[in-house]
PDB file of N, CA and C in Angstrom:
ATOM      1  N   MET A   1      23.878  93.037 319.766  1.00  0.00           N
ATOM      2  CA  MET A   1      25.284  93.618 319.281  1.00  0.00           C
ATOM      3  C   MET A   1      25.209  94.719 320.308  1.00  0.00           C
ATOM      4  N   ASN A   2      26.175  94.964 320.920  1.00  0.00           N
ATOM      5  CA  ASN A   2      26.942  96.259 321.643  1.00  0.00           C
ATOM      6  C   ASN A   2      27.657  96.738 320.573  1.00  0.00           C
ATOM      7  N   ARG A   3      27.586  97.854 320.019  1.00  0.00           N
ATOM      8  CA  ARG A   3      28.766  98.473 319.315  1.00  0.00           C
ATOM      9  C   ARG A   3      28.762  99.895 320.082  1.00  0.00           C
ATOM     10  N   VAL A   4      30.239 100.213 320.521  1.00  0.00           N
ATOM     11  CA  VAL A   4      30.318 101.702 320.908  1.00  0.00           C
ATOM     12  C   VAL A   4      31.050 102.471 319.748  1.00  0.00           C
ATOM     13  N   MET A   5      30.248 103.526 319.478  1.00  0.00           N
ATOM     14  CA  MET A   5      30.628 104.298 318.622  1.00  0.00           C
ATOM     15  C   MET A   5      31.468 105.663 319.193  1.00  0.00           C
ATOM     16  N   ILE A   6      32.857 105.828 318.505  1.00  0.00           N
ATOM     17  CA  ILE A   6      33.700 106.628 319.192  1.00  0.00           C
ATOM     18  C   ILE A   6      34.364 107.430 318.079  1.00  0.00           C
ATOM     19  N   LYS A   7      33.685 108.957 318.698  1.00  0.00           N
ATOM     20  CA  LYS A   7      33.801 109.802 317.718  1.00  0.00           C
ATOM     21  C   LYS A   7      35.088 110.454 317.533  1.00  0.00           C
ATOM     22  N   LYS A   8      35.457 110.911 316.404  1.00  0.00           N
ATOM     23  CA  LYS A   8      36.995 111.326 315.976  1.00  0.00           C
ATOM     24  C   LYS A   8      37.021 112.653 316.505  1.00  0.00           C
ATOM     25  N   LEU A   9      38.151 112.995 317.088  1.00  0.00           N
ATOM     26  CA  LEU A   9      38.186 114.502 317.660  1.00  0.00           C
ATOM     27  C   LEU A   9      38.715 115.383 316.660  1.00  0.00           C
ATOM     28  N   HIS A  10      38.431 116.675 316.650  1.00  0.00           N
ATOM     29  CA  HIS A  10      39.066 117.490 315.797  1.00  0.00           C
ATOM     30  C   HIS A  10      40.003 118.271 316.164  1.00  0.00           C
ATOM     31  N   ILE A  11      40.479 117.749 317.450  1.00  0.00           N
ATOM     32  CA  ILE A  11      41.862 118.853 317.828  1.00  0.00           C
ATOM     33  C   ILE A  11      42.675 117.501 318.300  1.00  0.00           C
ATOM     34  N   LYS A  12      44.009 117.884 317.973  1.00  0.00           N
ATOM     35  CA  LYS A  12      44.976 117.035 318.135  1.00  0.00           C
ATOM     36  C   LYS A  12      46.128 117.535 318.821  1.00  0.00           C
ATOM     37  N   LYS A  13      46.963 116.672 319.318  1.00  0.00           N
ATOM     38  CA  LYS A  13      48.113 117.333 320.529  1.00  0.00           C
ATOM     39  C   LYS A  13      48.828 118.488 319.363  1.00  0.00           C
ATOM     40  N   GLY A  14      49.326 119.497 319.872  1.00  0.00           N
ATOM     41  CA  GLY A  14      50.040 120.293 319.342  1.00  0.00           C
ATOM     42  C   GLY A  14      49.449 121.494 318.468  1.00  0.00           C
ATOM     43  N   ASP A  15      48.163 121.052 318.413  1.00  0.00           N
ATOM     44  CA  ASP A  15      47.481 122.430 317.640  1.00  0.00           C
ATOM     45  C   ASP A  15      47.238 123.648 318.242  1.00  0.00           C
ATOM     46  N   MET A  16      47.555 124.655 317.584  1.00  0.00           N
ATOM     47  CA  MET A  16      47.006 126.130 318.105  1.00  0.00           C
ATOM     48  C   MET A  16      45.316 125.919 318.435  1.00  0.00           C
ATOM     49  N   VAL A  17      45.278 126.449 319.651  1.00  0.00           N
ATOM     50  CA  VAL A  17      43.664 126.402 319.989  1.00  0.00           C
ATOM     51  C   VAL A  17      43.147 127.918 320.396  1.00  0.00           C
ATOM     52  N   LYS A  18      41.834 128.023 320.606  1.00  0.00           N
ATOM     53  CA  LYS A  18      41.389 129.270 321.359  1.00  0.00           C
ATOM     54  C   LYS A  18      40.503 128.700 322.129  1.00  0.00           C
ATOM     55  N   ILE A  19      40.452 129.301 323.225  1.00  0.00           N
ATOM     56  CA  ILE A  19      39.146 128.813 324.444  1.00  0.00           C
ATOM     57  C   ILE A  19      38.020 129.718 324.107  1.00  0.00           C
ATOM     58  N   LEU A  20      36.864 128.829 324.035  1.00  0.00           N
ATOM     59  CA  LEU A  20      35.319 129.397 323.714  1.00  0.00           C
ATOM     60  C   LEU A  20      34.696 129.715 325.086  1.00  0.00           C
ATOM     61  N   SER A  21      35.112 129.322 326.165  1.00  0.00           N
ATOM     62  CA  SER A  21      34.302 129.401 327.238  1.00  0.00           C
ATOM     63  C   SER A  21      35.035 128.895 328.726  1.00  0.00           C
ATOM     64  N   GLY A  22      34.528 129.705 329.791  1.00  0.00           N
ATOM     65  CA  GLY A  22      35.269 129.550 330.969  1.00  0.00           C
ATOM     66  C   GLY A  22      35.932 130.914 331.408  1.00  0.00           C
ATOM     67  N   VAL A  23      36.777 130.717 332.286  1.00  0.00           N
ATOM     68  CA  VAL A  23      37.451 131.602 333.142  1.00  0.00           C
ATOM     69  C   VAL A  23      38.355 132.102 332.329  1.00  0.00           C
ATOM     70  N   HIS A  24      38.885 131.361 331.320  1.00  0.00           N
ATOM     71  CA  HIS A  24      40.290 131.703 330.528  1.00  0.00           C
ATOM     72  C   HIS A  24      39.769 131.962 329.082  1.00  0.00           C
ATOM     73  N   ARG A  25      38.111 132.053 328.787  1.00  0.00           N
ATOM     74  CA  ARG A  25      37.965 132.740 327.530  1.00  0.00           C
ATOM     75  C   ARG A  25      38.404 133.581 326.597  1.00  0.00           C
ATOM     76  N   GLY A  26      38.756 133.426 325.511  1.00  0.00           N
ATOM     77  CA  GLY A  26      39.426 133.957 324.385  1.00  0.00           C
ATOM     78  C   GLY A  26      40.947 133.882 324.552  1.00  0.00           C
ATOM     79  N   GLU A  27      41.486 133.139 325.439  1.00  0.00           N
ATOM     80  CA  GLU A  27      42.901 133.015 325.315  1.00  0.00           C
ATOM     81  C   GLU A  27      43.131 132.188 324.248  1.00  0.00           C
ATOM     82  N   GLU A  28      44.660 131.725 323.739  1.00  0.00           N
ATOM     83  CA  GLU A  28      44.806 131.199 322.639  1.00  0.00           C
ATOM     84  C   GLU A  28      46.020 130.053 323.187  1.00  0.00           C
ATOM     85  N   GLY A  29      46.369 128.828 323.048  1.00  0.00           N
ATOM     86  CA  GLY A  29      47.567 128.360 323.428  1.00  0.00           C
ATOM     87  C   GLY A  29      47.431 127.020 324.398  1.00  0.00           C
ATOM     88  N   LYS A  30      48.123 127.246 325.420  1.00  0.00           N
ATOM     89  CA  LYS A  30      48.236 125.981 326.601  1.00  0.00           C
ATOM     90  C   LYS A  30      47.180 126.928 327.356  1.00  0.00           C
ATOM     91  N   ASN A  31      46.439 125.835 327.808  1.00  0.00           N
ATOM     92  CA  ASN A  31      45.928 126.181 329.464  1.00  0.00           C
ATOM     93  C   ASN A  31      46.569 126.062 330.660  1.00  0.00           C
ATOM     94  N   LEU A  32      46.890 126.873 331.440  1.00  0.00           N
ATOM     95  CA  LEU A  32      47.428 126.806 332.443  1.00  0.00           C
ATOM     96  C   LEU A  32      46.977 127.082 333.698  1.00  0.00           C
ATOM     97  N   VAL A  33      47.055 126.628 334.692  1.00  0.00           N
ATOM     98  CA  VAL A  33      46.181 127.140 336.144  1.00  0.00           C
ATOM     99  C   VAL A  33      47.212 127.300 337.066  1.00  0.00           C
ATOM    100  N   SER A  34      46.758 127.802 338.191  1.00  0.00           N
ATOM    101  CA  SER A  34      47.808 127.630 339.494  1.00  0.00           C
ATOM    102  C   SER A  34      47.547 126.809 340.573  1.00  0.00           C
ATOM    103  N   LYS A  35      48.400 126.111 340.794  1.00  0.00           N
ATOM    104  CA  LYS A  35      48.388 124.955 341.581  1.00  0.00           C
ATOM    105  C   LYS A  35      49.192 125.232 343.355  1.00  0.00           C
ATOM    106  N   HIS A  36      48.529 124.895 344.160  1.00  0.00           N
ATOM    107  CA  HIS A  36      49.224 125.268 345.642  1.00  0.00           C
ATOM    108  C   HIS A  36      49.689 124.359 345.806  1.00  0.00           C
ATOM    109  N   THR A  37      51.117 124.261 346.184  1.00  0.00           N
ATOM    110  CA  THR A  37      51.777 122.754 346.489  1.00  0.00           C
ATOM    111  C   THR A  37      52.421 123.054 347.984  1.00  0.00           C
ATOM    112  N   LYS A  38      52.604 121.364 348.654  1.00  0.00           N
ATOM    113  CA  LYS A  38      53.164 121.882 349.852  1.00  0.00           C
ATOM    114  C   LYS A  38      54.765 122.006 349.614  1.00  0.00           C
ATOM    115  N   PRO A  39      55.915 121.939 350.401  1.00  0.00           N
ATOM    116  CA  PRO A  39      57.292 121.890 350.166  1.00  0.00           C
ATOM    117  C   PRO A  39      57.416 120.575 350.190  1.00  0.00           C
ATOM    118  N   ASN A  40      58.362 120.256 349.094  1.00  0.00           N
ATOM    119  CA  ASN A  40      58.842 118.709 348.825  1.00  0.00           C
ATOM    120  C   ASN A  40      59.867 118.751 348.410  1.00  0.00           C
ATOM    121  N   ALA A  41      60.671 117.175 347.915  1.00  0.00           N
ATOM    122  CA  ALA A  41      62.060 117.362 347.313  1.00  0.00           C
ATOM    123  C   ALA A  41      62.319 118.208 346.003  1.00  0.00           C
ATOM    124  N   THR A  42      61.217 118.008 345.381  1.00  0.00           N
ATOM    125  CA  THR A  42      61.220 118.836 343.813  1.00  0.00           C
ATOM    126  C   THR A  42      61.228 120.313 344.119  1.00  0.00           C
ATOM    127  N   HIS A  43      60.356 120.807 345.052  1.00  0.00           N
ATOM    128  CA  HIS A  43      59.982 122.087 345.329  1.00  0.00           C
ATOM    129  C   HIS A  43      60.055 122.371 346.726  1.00  0.00           C
ATOM    130  N   PRO A  44      61.492 122.470 347.520  1.00  0.00           N
ATOM    131  CA  PRO A  44      61.673 122.471 348.739  1.00  0.00           C
ATOM    132  C   PRO A  44      60.899 124.043 349.280  1.00  0.00           C
ATOM    133  N   GLU A  45      60.610 124.920 348.529  1.00  0.00           N
ATOM    134  CA  GLU A  45      59.645 125.787 348.986  1.00  0.00           C
ATOM    135  C   GLU A  45      58.350 126.166 349.190  1.00  0.00           C
ATOM    136  N   GLY A  46      57.909 125.374 348.053  1.00  0.00           N
ATOM    137  CA  GLY A  46      56.334 124.777 348.057  1.00  0.00           C
ATOM    138  C   GLY A  46      55.766 126.138 347.063  1.00  0.00           C
ATOM    139  N   GLY A  47      54.517 126.550 347.467  1.00  0.00           N
ATOM    140  CA  GLY A  47      54.144 127.594 346.985  1.00  0.00           C
ATOM    141  C   GLY A  47      53.127 127.420 345.713  1.00  0.00           C
ATOM    142  N   ILE A  48      53.067 128.279 345.188  1.00  0.00           N
ATOM    143  CA  ILE A  48      52.146 128.208 343.903  1.00  0.00           C
ATOM    144  C   ILE A  48      52.871 128.274 342.501  1.00  0.00           C
ATOM    145  N   VAL A  49      52.578 126.934 342.014  1.00  0.00           N
ATOM    146  CA  VAL A  49      52.965 126.559 340.703  1.00  0.00           C
ATOM    147  C   VAL A  49      52.420 126.502 339.328  1.00  0.00           C
ATOM    148  N   LYS A  50      52.501 127.235 338.260  1.00  0.00           N
ATOM    149  CA  LYS A  50      51.784 127.088 337.066  1.00  0.00           C
ATOM    150  C   LYS A  50      51.946 125.773 336.142  1.00  0.00           C
ATOM    151  N   GLU A  51      50.860 125.466 336.118  1.00  0.00           N
ATOM    152  CA  GLU A  51      51.147 123.904 335.348  1.00  0.00           C
ATOM    153  C   GLU A  51      50.140 123.409 334.028  1.00  0.00           C
ATOM    154  N   GLU A  52      50.324 122.690 333.358  1.00  0.00           N
ATOM    155  CA  GLU A  52      49.055 122.528 332.275  1.00  0.00           C
ATOM    156  C   GLU A  52      47.971 121.673 332.673  1.00  0.00           C
ATOM    157  N   ALA A  53      46.555 122.078 332.349  1.00  0.00           N
ATOM    158  CA  ALA A  53      45.497 121.325 333.157  1.00  0.00           C
ATOM    159  C   ALA A  53      44.814 120.974 331.819  1.00  0.00           C
ATOM    160  N   GLY A  54      44.126 120.048 331.900  1.00  0.00           N
ATOM    161  CA  GLY A  54      43.012 119.607 330.914  1.00  0.00           C
ATOM    162  C   GLY A  54      41.668 120.375 330.751  1.00  0.00           C
ATOM    163  N   ILE A  55      41.172 120.451 329.635  1.00  0.00           N
ATOM    164  CA  ILE A  55      39.812 121.106 329.456  1.00  0.00           C
ATOM    165  C   ILE A  55      39.155 120.357 328.420  1.00  0.00           C
ATOM    166  N   HIS A  56      37.986 120.633 328.485  1.00  0.00           N
ATOM    167  CA  HIS A  56      37.121 119.707 327.685  1.00  0.00           C
ATOM    168  C   HIS A  56      37.145 120.283 326.176  1.00  0.00           C
ATOM    169  N   ILE A  57      37.047 119.389 325.362  1.00  0.00           N
ATOM    170  CA  ILE A  57      37.217 119.379 323.986  1.00  0.00           C
ATOM    171  C   ILE A  57      36.277 120.079 323.602  1.00  0.00           C
ATOM    172  N   SER A  58      34.986 120.335 324.152  1.00  0.00           N
ATOM    173  CA  SER A  58      34.149 121.392 323.294  1.00  0.00           C
ATOM    174  C   SER A  58      34.148 122.578 323.519  1.00  0.00           C
ATOM    175  N   ASN A  59      34.902 123.003 324.664  1.00  0.00           N
ATOM    176  CA  ASN A  59      35.404 124.515 324.992  1.00  0.00           C
ATOM    177  C   ASN A  59      36.419 125.042 323.798  1.00  0.00           C
ATOM    178  N   LEU A  60      37.046 124.084 322.934  1.00  0.00           N
ATOM    179  CA  LEU A  60      38.150 124.646 322.333  1.00  0.00           C
ATOM    180  C   LEU A  60      37.590 124.734 320.828  1.00  0.00           C
ATOM    181  N   MET A  61      38.343 125.800 319.876  1.00  0.00           N
ATOM    182  CA  MET A  61      38.120 125.943 318.395  1.00  0.00           C
ATOM    183  C   MET A  61      39.736 125.686 317.968  1.00  0.00           C
ATOM    184  N   LEU A  62      39.988 125.234 316.815  1.00  0.00           N
ATOM    185  CA  LEU A  62      41.334 125.475 316.370  1.00  0.00           C
ATOM    186  C   LEU A  62      41.522 126.997 315.603  1.00  0.00           C
ATOM    187  N   ILE A  63      42.653 127.446 315.637  1.00  0.00           N
ATOM    188  CA  ILE A  63      42.774 128.723 315.014  1.00  0.00           C
ATOM    189  C   ILE A  63      43.411 128.791 313.439  1.00  0.00           C
ATOM    190  N   ASP A  64      42.710 129.020 312.600  1.00  0.00           N
ATOM    191  CA  ASP A  64      43.135 129.270 311.290  1.00  0.00           C
ATOM    192  C   ASP A  64      44.336 130.285 311.102  1.00  0.00           C
ATOM    193  N   PRO A  65      45.745 129.713 310.492  1.00  0.00           N
ATOM    194  CA  PRO A  65      46.874 130.579 310.435  1.00  0.00           C
ATOM    195  C   PRO A  65      46.416 131.582 309.358  1.00  0.00           C
ATOM    196  N   LYS A  66      45.733 131.299 308.344  1.00  0.00           N
ATOM    197  CA  LYS A  66      45.411 132.057 307.177  1.00  0.00           C
ATOM    198  C   LYS A  66      44.957 133.591 307.574  1.00  0.00           C
ATOM    199  N   SER A  67      43.735 133.448 308.491  1.00  0.00           N
ATOM    200  CA  SER A  67      42.989 134.496 308.912  1.00  0.00           C
ATOM    201  C   SER A  67      43.072 135.265 310.256  1.00  0.00           C
ATOM    202  N   GLY A  68      43.899 134.183 311.413  1.00  0.00           N
ATOM    203  CA  GLY A  68      44.009 134.221 312.714  1.00  0.00           C
ATOM    204  C   GLY A  68      42.683 134.276 313.544  1.00  0.00           C
ATOM    205  N   GLN A  69      41.775 133.753 312.815  1.00  0.00           N
ATOM    206  CA  GLN A  69      40.378 133.401 313.695  1.00  0.00           C
ATOM    207  C   GLN A  69      40.217 131.959 314.145  1.00  0.00           C
ATOM    208  N   ALA A  70      39.089 131.559 315.097  1.00  0.00           N
ATOM    209  CA  ALA A  70      39.002 130.404 315.377  1.00  0.00           C
ATOM    210  C   ALA A  70      37.850 129.908 314.128  1.00  0.00           C
ATOM    211  N   SER A  71      38.170 128.619 313.509  1.00  0.00           N
ATOM    212  CA  SER A  71      37.134 128.046 312.456  1.00  0.00           C
ATOM    213  C   SER A  71      37.006 126.445 312.960  1.00  0.00           C
ATOM    214  N   ARG A  72      35.980 126.335 312.378  1.00  0.00           N
ATOM    215  CA  ARG A  72      35.731 124.718 312.475  1.00  0.00           C
ATOM    216  C   ARG A  72      36.307 124.035 311.598  1.00  0.00           C
ATOM    217  N   ILE A  73      36.421 122.946 312.053  1.00  0.00           N
ATOM    218  CA  ILE A  73      37.093 122.119 310.967  1.00  0.00           C
ATOM    219  C   ILE A  73      35.941 120.829 310.349  1.00  0.00           C
ATOM    220  N   GLY A  74      36.768 120.571 309.150  1.00  0.00           N
ATOM    221  CA  GLY A  74      36.040 119.454 308.339  1.00  0.00           C
ATOM    222  C   GLY A  74      36.985 118.170 308.047  1.00  0.00           C
ATOM    223  N   ARG A  75      36.470 117.050 307.318  1.00  0.00           N
ATOM    224  CA  ARG A  75      37.266 116.196 307.134  1.00  0.00           C
ATOM    225  C   ARG A  75      36.676 115.836 305.250  1.00  0.00           C
ATOM    226  N   LYS A  76      37.987 115.644 304.923  1.00  0.00           N
ATOM    227  CA  LYS A  76      37.533 115.415 302.967  1.00  0.00           C
ATOM    228  C   LYS A  76      38.935 114.936 302.765  1.00  0.00           C
ATOM    229  N   GLN A  77      38.807 113.965 301.576  1.00  0.00           N
ATOM    230  CA  GLN A  77      40.042 113.281 301.096  1.00  0.00           C
ATOM    231  C   GLN A  77      40.687 113.939 300.272  1.00  0.00           C
ATOM    232  N   ASN A  78      42.011 113.933 300.214  1.00  0.00           N
ATOM    233  CA  ASN A  78      43.096 114.721 299.462  1.00  0.00           C
ATOM    234  C   ASN A  78      43.304 114.340 297.992  1.00  0.00           C
ATOM    235  N   GLU A  79      44.109 114.525 297.363  1.00  0.00           N
ATOM    236  CA  GLU A  79      44.537 113.872 295.905  1.00  0.00           C
ATOM    237  C   GLU A  79      44.789 112.311 296.232  1.00  0.00           C
ATOM    238  N   GLU A  80      45.639 112.139 297.275  1.00  0.00           N
ATOM    239  CA  GLU A  80      46.278 110.742 297.588  1.00  0.00           C
ATOM    240  C   GLU A  80      44.968 109.726 297.943  1.00  0.00           C
ATOM    241  N   GLY A  81      43.794 110.308 298.246  1.00  0.00           N
ATOM    242  CA  GLY A  81      42.891 109.400 298.664  1.00  0.00           C
ATOM    243  C   GLY A  81      42.997 109.152 300.440  1.00  0.00           C
ATOM    244  N   LYS A  82      43.922 110.253 301.059  1.00  0.00           N
ATOM    245  CA  LYS A  82      43.916 110.244 302.444  1.00  0.00           C
ATOM    246  C   LYS A  82      42.942 111.192 303.166  1.00  0.00           C
ATOM    247  N   LEU A  83      42.517 110.806 304.470  1.00  0.00           N
ATOM    248  CA  LEU A  83      41.546 111.794 304.871  1.00  0.00           C
ATOM    249  C   LEU A  83      42.370 112.812 305.807  1.00  0.00           C
ATOM    250  N   VAL A  84      41.926 113.809 305.510  1.00  0.00           N
ATOM    251  CA  VAL A  84      42.594 115.084 305.826  1.00  0.00           C
ATOM    252  C   VAL A  84      41.829 115.716 306.797  1.00  0.00           C
ATOM    253  N   ARG A  85      42.106 116.832 307.671  1.00  0.00           N
ATOM    254  CA  ARG A  85      41.484 117.978 308.279  1.00  0.00           C
ATOM    255  C   ARG A  85      41.344 119.180 307.534  1.00  0.00           C
ATOM    256  N   TYR A  86      40.389 120.148 307.600  1.00  0.00           N
ATOM    257  CA  TYR A  86      40.837 121.287 306.769  1.00  0.00           C
ATOM    258  C   TYR A  86      39.961 122.373 307.514  1.00  0.00           C
ATOM    259  N   TYR A  87      40.403 123.566 307.671  1.00  0.00           N
ATOM    260  CA  TYR A  87      39.618 124.489 308.056  1.00  0.00           C
ATOM    261  C   TYR A  87      38.513 124.954 307.344  1.00  0.00           C
ATOM    262  N   LYS A  88      37.285 125.074 307.674  1.00  0.00           N
ATOM    263  CA  LYS A  88      36.126 125.181 306.771  1.00  0.00           C
ATOM    264  C   LYS A  88      35.865 126.815 306.118  1.00  0.00           C
ATOM    265  N   LYS A  89      36.652 127.632 307.177  1.00  0.00           N
ATOM    266  CA  LYS A  89      36.588 129.216 306.702  1.00  0.00           C
ATOM    267  C   LYS A  89      37.449 129.454 305.571  1.00  0.00           C
ATOM    268  N   SER A  90      38.732 129.059 305.458  1.00  0.00           N
ATOM    269  CA  SER A  90      39.638 129.093 304.179  1.00  0.00           C
ATOM    270  C   SER A  90      39.595 127.991 303.451  1.00  0.00           C
ATOM    271  N   GLY A  91      39.380 126.805 303.766  1.00  0.00           N
ATOM    272  CA  GLY A  91      39.446 125.393 303.039  1.00  0.00           C
ATOM    273  C   GLY A  91      40.602 124.983 303.150  1.00  0.00           C
ATOM    274  N   GLN A  92      41.693 125.548 303.653  1.00  0.00           N
ATOM    275  CA  GLN A  92      43.125 125.084 303.737  1.00  0.00           C
ATOM    276  C   GLN A  92      43.266 123.586 304.769  1.00  0.00           C
ATOM    277  N   GLU A  93      44.403 122.945 304.532  1.00  0.00           N
ATOM    278  CA  GLU A  93      44.219 121.918 305.280  1.00  0.00           C
ATOM    279  C   GLU A  93      45.211 122.540 306.454  1.00  0.00           C
ATOM    280  N   VAL A  94      44.785 121.311 307.397  1.00  0.00           N
ATOM    281  CA  VAL A  94      45.305 121.630 308.778  1.00  0.00           C
ATOM    282  C   VAL A  94      46.916 120.829 308.490  1.00  0.00           C
ATOM    283  N   LYS A  95      47.759 121.559 309.181  1.00  0.00           N
ATOM    284  CA  LYS A  95      49.018 120.655 309.000  1.00  0.00           C
ATOM    285  C   LYS A  95      49.354 120.352 310.162  1.00  0.00           C
TER     286      LYS A  95
END
């Protein structure tokens, strides 16, 4: 039997995150990079364009809105029996 274990990710799209390592260490929010582009129909002048880029999930942590600091994430069942994410520092559910 070949079973592949897929780990659940602790970060979802739209979460406020803090970058832990790399050139952008300490920044919060989106990861923007500068990309050099040739002139084309959409950018007739070409030049340097800022755009979002991927970053490895191990370099990110969610920001707890209560304390404003980066916090680890856990999973627990709420009153309805649904599995929810929560901040380990404050115990508050991630919304």
